[in-house]
């Protein structure tokens, strides 16, 4: 049986393009991912990128109206575009979505092998529950089952996001609407304040809740920001072989 390609995705506004590159470098160097998708606001990326990265201009997307209830939040529609990935990537079965403030610490190639055939996505549960007592997952690292989301669940999530305002946008909606079909991702893949910030052997560190200065100046972040794409791709080839 032929190996299924592994896809990952980042969604971001111009303000975090640099962070997306930094995080993607750590992912590519520490996994056998085949394609990394950048969903952005422009037709082209401002800097040269390796062929492993595909850029998608979603500025004129038709999923979230410019006057929608969540468009004026601090996150804009770009973070909500995660729930449209099954449409933006119509031939992809599943995709690993990451926040731009994540850094891969070691080989995460096995992340794509999590058993999510009967689930809409996999994500690490946070330590608290919702006001209704529901389990709540952090969306900073999410493995989406795009094939299953095409059963109408993604469109339902998009419709709800267009109907009223939410605090944590797509994270709130996918948690509320996908209960019972969420796989609990080990917290080592999303180590942060709300999952398990001190997880032993963290494979992905997520700087959620950390002030931007802390992210920019962290030695693990600086390492990848200062690493060339040529060096990243050399490390990637070592992982793949």
C-alpha atoms as a PDB file:
ATOM      1  CA  UNK A   1       0.000   0.000   0.000  1.00  0.00           C
ATOM      2  CA  UNK A   2       1.358   3.409  -0.963  1.00  0.00           C
ATOM      3  CA  UNK A   3       2.205   5.766   1.870  1.00  0.00           C
ATOM      4  CA  UNK A   4      -0.384   8.508   2.352  1.00  0.00           C
ATOM      5  CA  UNK A   5       1.097  11.995   2.170  1.00  0.00           C
ATOM      6  CA  UNK A   6       1.268  13.940   5.394  1.00  0.00           C
ATOM      7  CA  UNK A   7      -0.097  17.487   5.312  1.00  0.00           C
ATOM      8  CA  UNK A   8       0.199  20.350   7.805  1.00  0.00           C
ATOM      9  CA  UNK A   9      -1.280  23.848   7.772  1.00  0.00           C
ATOM     10  CA  UNK A  10      -0.820  27.298   9.258  1.00  0.00           C
ATOM     11  CA  UNK A  11      -3.354  30.127   8.956  1.00  0.00           C
ATOM     12  CA  UNK A  12      -2.176  33.670   9.615  1.00  0.00           C
ATOM     13  CA  UNK A  13      -2.363  37.371   8.975  1.00  0.00           C
ATOM     14  CA  UNK A  14       0.607  39.417   7.735  1.00  0.00           C
ATOM     15  CA  UNK A  15       1.493  40.301  11.331  1.00  0.00           C
ATOM     16  CA  UNK A  16       2.574  36.710  12.043  1.00  0.00           C
ATOM     17  CA  UNK A  17       4.129  35.637   8.732  1.00  0.00           C
ATOM     18  CA  UNK A  18       7.553  35.548  10.367  1.00  0.00           C
ATOM     19  CA  UNK A  19       6.258  33.428  13.243  1.00  0.00           C
ATOM     20  CA  UNK A  20       4.681  31.001  10.767  1.00  0.00           C
ATOM     21  CA  UNK A  21       8.047  30.514   9.075  1.00  0.00           C
ATOM     22  CA  UNK A  22       9.804  29.952  12.394  1.00  0.00           C
ATOM     23  CA  UNK A  23       7.293  27.365  13.574  1.00  0.00           C
ATOM     24  CA  UNK A  24       7.188  25.643  10.177  1.00  0.00           C
ATOM     25  CA  UNK A  25      10.968  25.307  10.191  1.00  0.00           C
ATOM     26  CA  UNK A  26      10.823  23.408  13.476  1.00  0.00           C
ATOM     27  CA  UNK A  27       8.025  21.176  12.168  1.00  0.00           C
ATOM     28  CA  UNK A  28       9.699  20.350   8.864  1.00  0.00           C
ATOM     29  CA  UNK A  29      13.052  19.642  10.525  1.00  0.00           C
ATOM     30  CA  UNK A  30      11.389  17.348  13.072  1.00  0.00           C
ATOM     31  CA  UNK A  31       8.944  15.324  10.973  1.00  0.00           C
ATOM     32  CA  UNK A  32       8.444  13.500   7.705  1.00  0.00           C
ATOM     33  CA  UNK A  33       5.644  15.881   6.659  1.00  0.00           C
ATOM     34  CA  UNK A  34       5.231  16.024   2.882  1.00  0.00           C
ATOM     35  CA  UNK A  35       3.377  19.323   2.359  1.00  0.00           C
ATOM     36  CA  UNK A  36       2.951  22.387   4.572  1.00  0.00           C
ATOM     37  CA  UNK A  37       0.153  24.771   3.597  1.00  0.00           C
ATOM     38  CA  UNK A  38       0.254  28.490   4.411  1.00  0.00           C
ATOM     39  CA  UNK A  39      -3.201  30.127   4.286  1.00  0.00           C
ATOM     40  CA  UNK A  40      -2.500  33.840   4.054  1.00  0.00           C
ATOM     41  CA  UNK A  41      -3.862  37.252   3.026  1.00  0.00           C
ATOM     42  CA  UNK A  42      -1.656  37.741  -0.032  1.00  0.00           C
ATOM     43  CA  UNK A  43      -1.145  36.152  -3.450  1.00  0.00           C
ATOM     44  CA  UNK A  44       2.524  35.518  -2.721  1.00  0.00           C
ATOM     45  CA  UNK A  45       4.754  35.003   0.298  1.00  0.00           C
ATOM     46  CA  UNK A  46       7.152  37.939   0.817  1.00  0.00           C
ATOM     47  CA  UNK A  47      10.264  35.710   1.074  1.00  0.00           C
ATOM     48  CA  UNK A  48      11.576  32.666  -0.829  1.00  0.00           C
ATOM     49  CA  UNK A  49      10.220  29.381   0.525  1.00  0.00           C
ATOM     50  CA  UNK A  50      11.186  25.748  -0.128  1.00  0.00           C
ATOM     51  CA  UNK A  51       8.971  23.684  -2.427  1.00  0.00           C
ATOM     52  CA  UNK A  52       7.543  21.751   0.507  1.00  0.00           C
ATOM     53  CA  UNK A  53       5.416  24.810   1.374  1.00  0.00           C
ATOM     54  CA  UNK A  54       2.307  25.670  -0.665  1.00  0.00           C
ATOM     55  CA  UNK A  55       0.845  29.167  -0.294  1.00  0.00           C
ATOM     56  CA  UNK A  56      -2.933  29.697  -0.506  1.00  0.00           C
ATOM     57  CA  UNK A  57      -4.318  33.224  -0.834  1.00  0.00           C
ATOM     58  CA  UNK A  58      -7.612  33.197   1.091  1.00  0.00           C
ATOM     59  CA  UNK A  59      -8.092  36.974   1.281  1.00  0.00           C
ATOM     60  CA  UNK A  60     -11.214  36.751  -0.863  1.00  0.00           C
ATOM     61  CA  UNK A  61     -12.541  33.625   0.842  1.00  0.00           C
ATOM     62  CA  UNK A  62     -16.295  33.234   0.841  1.00  0.00           C
ATOM     63  CA  UNK A  63     -16.793  31.437   4.149  1.00  0.00           C
ATOM     64  CA  UNK A  64     -16.801  34.335   6.624  1.00  0.00           C
ATOM     65  CA  UNK A  65     -18.429  37.647   5.717  1.00  0.00           C
ATOM     66  CA  UNK A  66     -16.344  40.760   6.298  1.00  0.00           C
ATOM     67  CA  UNK A  67     -19.087  42.123   8.562  1.00  0.00           C
ATOM     68  CA  UNK A  68     -19.502  38.818  10.409  1.00  0.00           C
ATOM     69  CA  UNK A  69     -19.773  38.741  14.224  1.00  0.00           C
ATOM     70  CA  UNK A  70     -16.256  37.356  14.754  1.00  0.00           C
ATOM     71  CA  UNK A  71     -14.339  39.321  12.133  1.00  0.00           C
ATOM     72  CA  UNK A  72     -13.431  42.159  14.497  1.00  0.00           C
ATOM     73  CA  UNK A  73     -11.919  39.979  17.201  1.00  0.00           C
ATOM     74  CA  UNK A  74      -8.188  40.006  17.794  1.00  0.00           C
ATOM     75  CA  UNK A  75      -7.833  36.921  15.652  1.00  0.00           C
ATOM     76  CA  UNK A  76      -9.696  37.876  12.421  1.00  0.00           C
ATOM     77  CA  UNK A  77     -11.053  35.321  10.004  1.00  0.00           C
ATOM     78  CA  UNK A  78      -7.662  33.707   9.403  1.00  0.00           C
ATOM     79  CA  UNK A  79      -7.864  31.535  12.514  1.00  0.00           C
ATOM     80  CA  UNK A  80     -11.419  30.563  11.586  1.00  0.00           C
ATOM     81  CA  UNK A  81     -10.191  29.314   8.206  1.00  0.00           C
ATOM     82  CA  UNK A  82      -9.095  26.122   9.954  1.00  0.00           C
ATOM     83  CA  UNK A  83     -12.721  25.028   9.840  1.00  0.00           C
ATOM     84  CA  UNK A  84     -12.707  25.521   6.065  1.00  0.00           C
ATOM     85  CA  UNK A  85      -9.576  23.429   5.461  1.00  0.00           C
ATOM     86  CA  UNK A  86     -11.672  20.530   4.183  1.00  0.00           C
ATOM     87  CA  UNK A  87     -12.800  22.826   1.349  1.00  0.00           C
ATOM     88  CA  UNK A  88      -9.524  24.671   0.758  1.00  0.00           C
ATOM     89  CA  UNK A  89      -7.747  21.296   0.535  1.00  0.00           C
ATOM     90  CA  UNK A  90     -10.452  19.177  -1.163  1.00  0.00           C
ATOM     91  CA  UNK A  91      -8.211  16.200  -1.951  1.00  0.00           C
ATOM     92  CA  UNK A  92      -6.568  15.935   1.492  1.00  0.00           C
ATOM     93  CA  UNK A  93      -7.871  13.374   3.994  1.00  0.00           C
ATOM     94  CA  UNK A  94      -6.373  14.794   7.169  1.00  0.00           C
ATOM     95  CA  UNK A  95      -4.144  17.698   8.081  1.00  0.00           C
ATOM     96  CA  UNK A  96      -2.179  18.796  11.121  1.00  0.00           C
ATOM     97  CA  UNK A  97      -3.016  22.396  11.994  1.00  0.00           C
ATOM     98  CA  UNK A  98      -0.625  24.392  14.185  1.00  0.00           C
ATOM     99  CA  UNK A  99      -0.569  27.818  15.779  1.00  0.00           C
ATOM    100  CA  UNK A 100       2.345  29.995  14.755  1.00  0.00           C
ATOM    101  CA  UNK A 101       3.553  30.129  18.377  1.00  0.00           C
ATOM    102  CA  UNK A 102       4.501  26.440  18.493  1.00  0.00           C
ATOM    103  CA  UNK A 103       7.943  24.852  18.317  1.00  0.00           C
ATOM    104  CA  UNK A 104       8.633  21.185  17.625  1.00  0.00           C
ATOM    105  CA  UNK A 105      11.288  19.813  19.936  1.00  0.00           C
ATOM    106  CA  UNK A 106      11.746  16.293  18.541  1.00  0.00           C
ATOM    107  CA  UNK A 107      10.440  13.937  15.868  1.00  0.00           C
ATOM    108  CA  UNK A 108       6.645  14.260  15.642  1.00  0.00           C
ATOM    109  CA  UNK A 109       6.161  12.070  12.565  1.00  0.00           C
ATOM    110  CA  UNK A 110       3.870   9.731  14.494  1.00  0.00           C
ATOM    111  CA  UNK A 111       1.324  12.507  15.110  1.00  0.00           C
ATOM    112  CA  UNK A 112      -0.415  11.764  11.799  1.00  0.00           C
ATOM    113  CA  UNK A 113      -0.932   8.156  12.926  1.00  0.00           C
ATOM    114  CA  UNK A 114      -3.321   9.002  15.771  1.00  0.00           C
ATOM    115  CA  UNK A 115      -6.542   6.937  15.457  1.00  0.00           C
ATOM    116  CA  UNK A 116      -9.080   9.523  14.298  1.00  0.00           C
ATOM    117  CA  UNK A 117     -11.048   7.608  11.642  1.00  0.00           C
ATOM    118  CA  UNK A 118     -14.263   7.971  13.694  1.00  0.00           C
ATOM    119  CA  UNK A 119     -13.437  11.451  15.047  1.00  0.00           C
ATOM    120  CA  UNK A 120     -13.614  14.938  13.601  1.00  0.00           C
ATOM    121  CA  UNK A 121     -10.264  15.885  15.088  1.00  0.00           C
ATOM    122  CA  UNK A 122      -7.668  15.134  17.723  1.00  0.00           C
ATOM    123  CA  UNK A 123      -6.485  17.774  20.188  1.00  0.00           C
ATOM    124  CA  UNK A 124      -5.169  17.912  23.757  1.00  0.00           C
ATOM    125  CA  UNK A 125      -7.778  18.401  26.464  1.00  0.00           C
ATOM    126  CA  UNK A 126      -7.357  21.427  28.688  1.00  0.00           C
ATOM    127  CA  UNK A 127      -7.467  20.942  32.464  1.00  0.00           C
ATOM    128  CA  UNK A 128     -10.812  22.715  32.854  1.00  0.00           C
ATOM    129  CA  UNK A 129     -14.253  21.916  31.451  1.00  0.00           C
ATOM    130  CA  UNK A 130     -16.850  24.217  29.922  1.00  0.00           C
ATOM    131  CA  UNK A 131     -19.673  25.741  31.958  1.00  0.00           C
ATOM    132  CA  UNK A 132     -21.811  22.820  30.751  1.00  0.00           C
ATOM    133  CA  UNK A 133     -19.256  20.284  31.967  1.00  0.00           C
ATOM    134  CA  UNK A 134     -18.011  19.366  28.502  1.00  0.00           C
ATOM    135  CA  UNK A 135     -14.429  18.425  27.786  1.00  0.00           C
ATOM    136  CA  UNK A 136     -12.608  21.273  26.092  1.00  0.00           C
ATOM    137  CA  UNK A 137      -9.586  20.951  23.790  1.00  0.00           C
ATOM    138  CA  UNK A 138      -6.878  23.430  22.887  1.00  0.00           C
ATOM    139  CA  UNK A 139      -6.848  24.036  19.117  1.00  0.00           C
ATOM    140  CA  UNK A 140      -3.216  25.166  18.921  1.00  0.00           C
ATOM    141  CA  UNK A 141      -2.202  21.715  17.668  1.00  0.00           C
ATOM    142  CA  UNK A 142      -5.073  19.891  15.968  1.00  0.00           C
ATOM    143  CA  UNK A 143      -5.122  16.883  13.685  1.00  0.00           C
ATOM    144  CA  UNK A 144      -8.253  17.327  11.551  1.00  0.00           C
ATOM    145  CA  UNK A 145     -10.070  14.458   9.862  1.00  0.00           C
ATOM    146  CA  UNK A 146     -11.005  16.464   6.759  1.00  0.00           C
ATOM    147  CA  UNK A 147     -12.731  13.500   5.151  1.00  0.00           C
ATOM    148  CA  UNK A 148     -15.175  13.177   8.050  1.00  0.00           C
ATOM    149  CA  UNK A 149     -15.624  16.946   8.406  1.00  0.00           C
ATOM    150  CA  UNK A 150     -16.996  16.950   4.863  1.00  0.00           C
ATOM    151  CA  UNK A 151     -20.085  15.090   6.150  1.00  0.00           C
ATOM    152  CA  UNK A 152     -21.560  18.514   6.882  1.00  0.00           C
ATOM    153  CA  UNK A 153     -19.935  19.189  10.264  1.00  0.00           C
ATOM    154  CA  UNK A 154     -17.473  21.758   8.878  1.00  0.00           C
ATOM    155  CA  UNK A 155     -20.304  23.650   7.179  1.00  0.00           C
ATOM    156  CA  UNK A 156     -22.283  23.554  10.424  1.00  0.00           C
ATOM    157  CA  UNK A 157     -19.303  25.016  12.311  1.00  0.00           C
ATOM    158  CA  UNK A 158     -18.870  27.736   9.705  1.00  0.00           C
ATOM    159  CA  UNK A 159     -22.578  28.595   9.872  1.00  0.00           C
ATOM    160  CA  UNK A 160     -22.475  28.895  13.661  1.00  0.00           C
ATOM    161  CA  UNK A 161     -19.395  31.144  13.517  1.00  0.00           C
ATOM    162  CA  UNK A 162     -21.317  33.391  11.137  1.00  0.00           C
ATOM    163  CA  UNK A 163     -24.338  33.556  13.456  1.00  0.00           C
ATOM    164  CA  UNK A 164     -22.937  34.864  16.749  1.00  0.00           C
ATOM    165  CA  UNK A 165     -19.765  36.028  18.511  1.00  0.00           C
ATOM    166  CA  UNK A 166     -17.471  33.615  20.349  1.00  0.00           C
ATOM    167  CA  UNK A 167     -14.565  34.225  22.706  1.00  0.00           C
ATOM    168  CA  UNK A 168     -12.182  31.666  21.241  1.00  0.00           C
ATOM    169  CA  UNK A 169     -13.760  31.497  17.784  1.00  0.00           C
ATOM    170  CA  UNK A 170     -13.141  28.198  15.992  1.00  0.00           C
ATOM    171  CA  UNK A 171     -11.823  26.574  19.172  1.00  0.00           C
ATOM    172  CA  UNK A 172     -15.129  27.171  20.961  1.00  0.00           C
ATOM    173  CA  UNK A 173     -17.292  26.072  18.057  1.00  0.00           C
ATOM    174  CA  UNK A 174     -15.444  22.882  17.186  1.00  0.00           C
ATOM    175  CA  UNK A 175     -15.436  21.845  20.847  1.00  0.00           C
ATOM    176  CA  UNK A 176     -19.172  22.459  21.284  1.00  0.00           C
ATOM    177  CA  UNK A 177     -20.305  20.878  18.030  1.00  0.00           C
ATOM    178  CA  UNK A 178     -17.956  17.895  17.858  1.00  0.00           C
ATOM    179  CA  UNK A 179     -18.419  16.479  21.373  1.00  0.00           C
ATOM    180  CA  UNK A 180     -18.293  12.688  21.312  1.00  0.00           C
ATOM    181  CA  UNK A 181     -16.183  12.693  18.175  1.00  0.00           C
ATOM    182  CA  UNK A 182     -12.971  14.216  19.570  1.00  0.00           C
ATOM    183  CA  UNK A 183      -9.813  12.179  20.072  1.00  0.00           C
ATOM    184  CA  UNK A 184      -7.727  13.122  23.103  1.00  0.00           C
ATOM    185  CA  UNK A 185      -4.264  13.994  21.822  1.00  0.00           C
ATOM    186  CA  UNK A 186      -1.414  13.324  24.304  1.00  0.00           C
ATOM    187  CA  UNK A 187      -0.440  16.642  25.890  1.00  0.00           C
ATOM    188  CA  UNK A 188       3.221  16.153  24.931  1.00  0.00           C
ATOM    189  CA  UNK A 189       2.164  17.281  21.432  1.00  0.00           C
ATOM    190  CA  UNK A 190       0.713  20.526  22.799  1.00  0.00           C
ATOM    191  CA  UNK A 191       2.507  21.446  25.999  1.00  0.00           C
ATOM    192  CA  UNK A 192       1.141  24.757  27.279  1.00  0.00           C
ATOM    193  CA  UNK A 193      -0.373  26.449  30.319  1.00  0.00           C
ATOM    194  CA  UNK A 194      -3.859  24.961  29.812  1.00  0.00           C
ATOM    195  CA  UNK A 195      -2.941  21.378  28.879  1.00  0.00           C
ATOM    196  CA  UNK A 196       0.260  20.436  30.712  1.00  0.00           C
ATOM    197  CA  UNK A 197       2.925  23.089  30.441  1.00  0.00           C
ATOM    198  CA  UNK A 198       5.397  20.923  32.369  1.00  0.00           C
ATOM    199  CA  UNK A 199       4.766  17.733  30.428  1.00  0.00           C
ATOM    200  CA  UNK A 200       7.824  15.508  30.549  1.00  0.00           C
ATOM    201  CA  UNK A 201       9.327  14.998  27.145  1.00  0.00           C
ATOM    202  CA  UNK A 202       7.233  17.658  25.421  1.00  0.00           C
ATOM    203  CA  UNK A 203       7.414  17.135  21.668  1.00  0.00           C
ATOM    204  CA  UNK A 204       5.696  20.414  20.790  1.00  0.00           C
ATOM    205  CA  UNK A 205       5.900  23.472  23.022  1.00  0.00           C
ATOM    206  CA  UNK A 206       2.998  25.891  22.589  1.00  0.00           C
ATOM    207  CA  UNK A 207       3.555  29.424  23.851  1.00  0.00           C
ATOM    208  CA  UNK A 208      -0.151  30.060  24.479  1.00  0.00           C
ATOM    209  CA  UNK A 209      -0.587  32.712  27.145  1.00  0.00           C
ATOM    210  CA  UNK A 210       3.036  33.846  26.841  1.00  0.00           C
ATOM    211  CA  UNK A 211       3.589  37.524  26.029  1.00  0.00           C
ATOM    212  CA  UNK A 212       4.998  38.125  22.569  1.00  0.00           C
ATOM    213  CA  UNK A 213       8.340  39.226  24.011  1.00  0.00           C
ATOM    214  CA  UNK A 214       8.663  35.847  25.677  1.00  0.00           C
ATOM    215  CA  UNK A 215       8.028  34.042  22.385  1.00  0.00           C
ATOM    216  CA  UNK A 216      10.422  36.192  20.369  1.00  0.00           C
ATOM    217  CA  UNK A 217      13.267  35.958  22.866  1.00  0.00           C
ATOM    218  CA  UNK A 218      12.978  32.292  23.837  1.00  0.00           C
ATOM    219  CA  UNK A 219      16.132  30.403  22.901  1.00  0.00           C
ATOM    220  CA  UNK A 220      14.163  27.589  21.251  1.00  0.00           C
ATOM    221  CA  UNK A 221      12.370  30.069  19.026  1.00  0.00           C
ATOM    222  CA  UNK A 222      15.551  31.979  18.187  1.00  0.00           C
ATOM    223  CA  UNK A 223      17.201  28.747  17.118  1.00  0.00           C
ATOM    224  CA  UNK A 224      14.693  28.116  14.348  1.00  0.00           C
ATOM    225  CA  UNK A 225      14.309  31.755  13.385  1.00  0.00           C
ATOM    226  CA  UNK A 226      18.058  31.855  12.739  1.00  0.00           C
ATOM    227  CA  UNK A 227      18.228  28.490  10.933  1.00  0.00           C
ATOM    228  CA  UNK A 228      18.360  28.697   7.140  1.00  0.00           C
ATOM    229  CA  UNK A 229      15.840  26.877   4.984  1.00  0.00           C
ATOM    230  CA  UNK A 230      18.697  24.909   3.415  1.00  0.00           C
ATOM    231  CA  UNK A 231      19.671  23.569   6.841  1.00  0.00           C
ATOM    232  CA  UNK A 232      16.021  22.848   7.681  1.00  0.00           C
ATOM    233  CA  UNK A 233      15.583  20.799   4.529  1.00  0.00           C
ATOM    234  CA  UNK A 234      18.772  18.843   5.231  1.00  0.00           C
ATOM    235  CA  UNK A 235      17.400  17.892   8.650  1.00  0.00           C
ATOM    236  CA  UNK A 236      14.098  17.005   7.044  1.00  0.00           C
ATOM    237  CA  UNK A 237      15.739  14.590   4.618  1.00  0.00           C
ATOM    238  CA  UNK A 238      17.458  12.862   7.535  1.00  0.00           C
ATOM    239  CA  UNK A 239      14.070  12.331   9.202  1.00  0.00           C
ATOM    240  CA  UNK A 240      12.451  11.003   6.009  1.00  0.00           C
ATOM    241  CA  UNK A 241      15.260   8.528   5.440  1.00  0.00           C
END
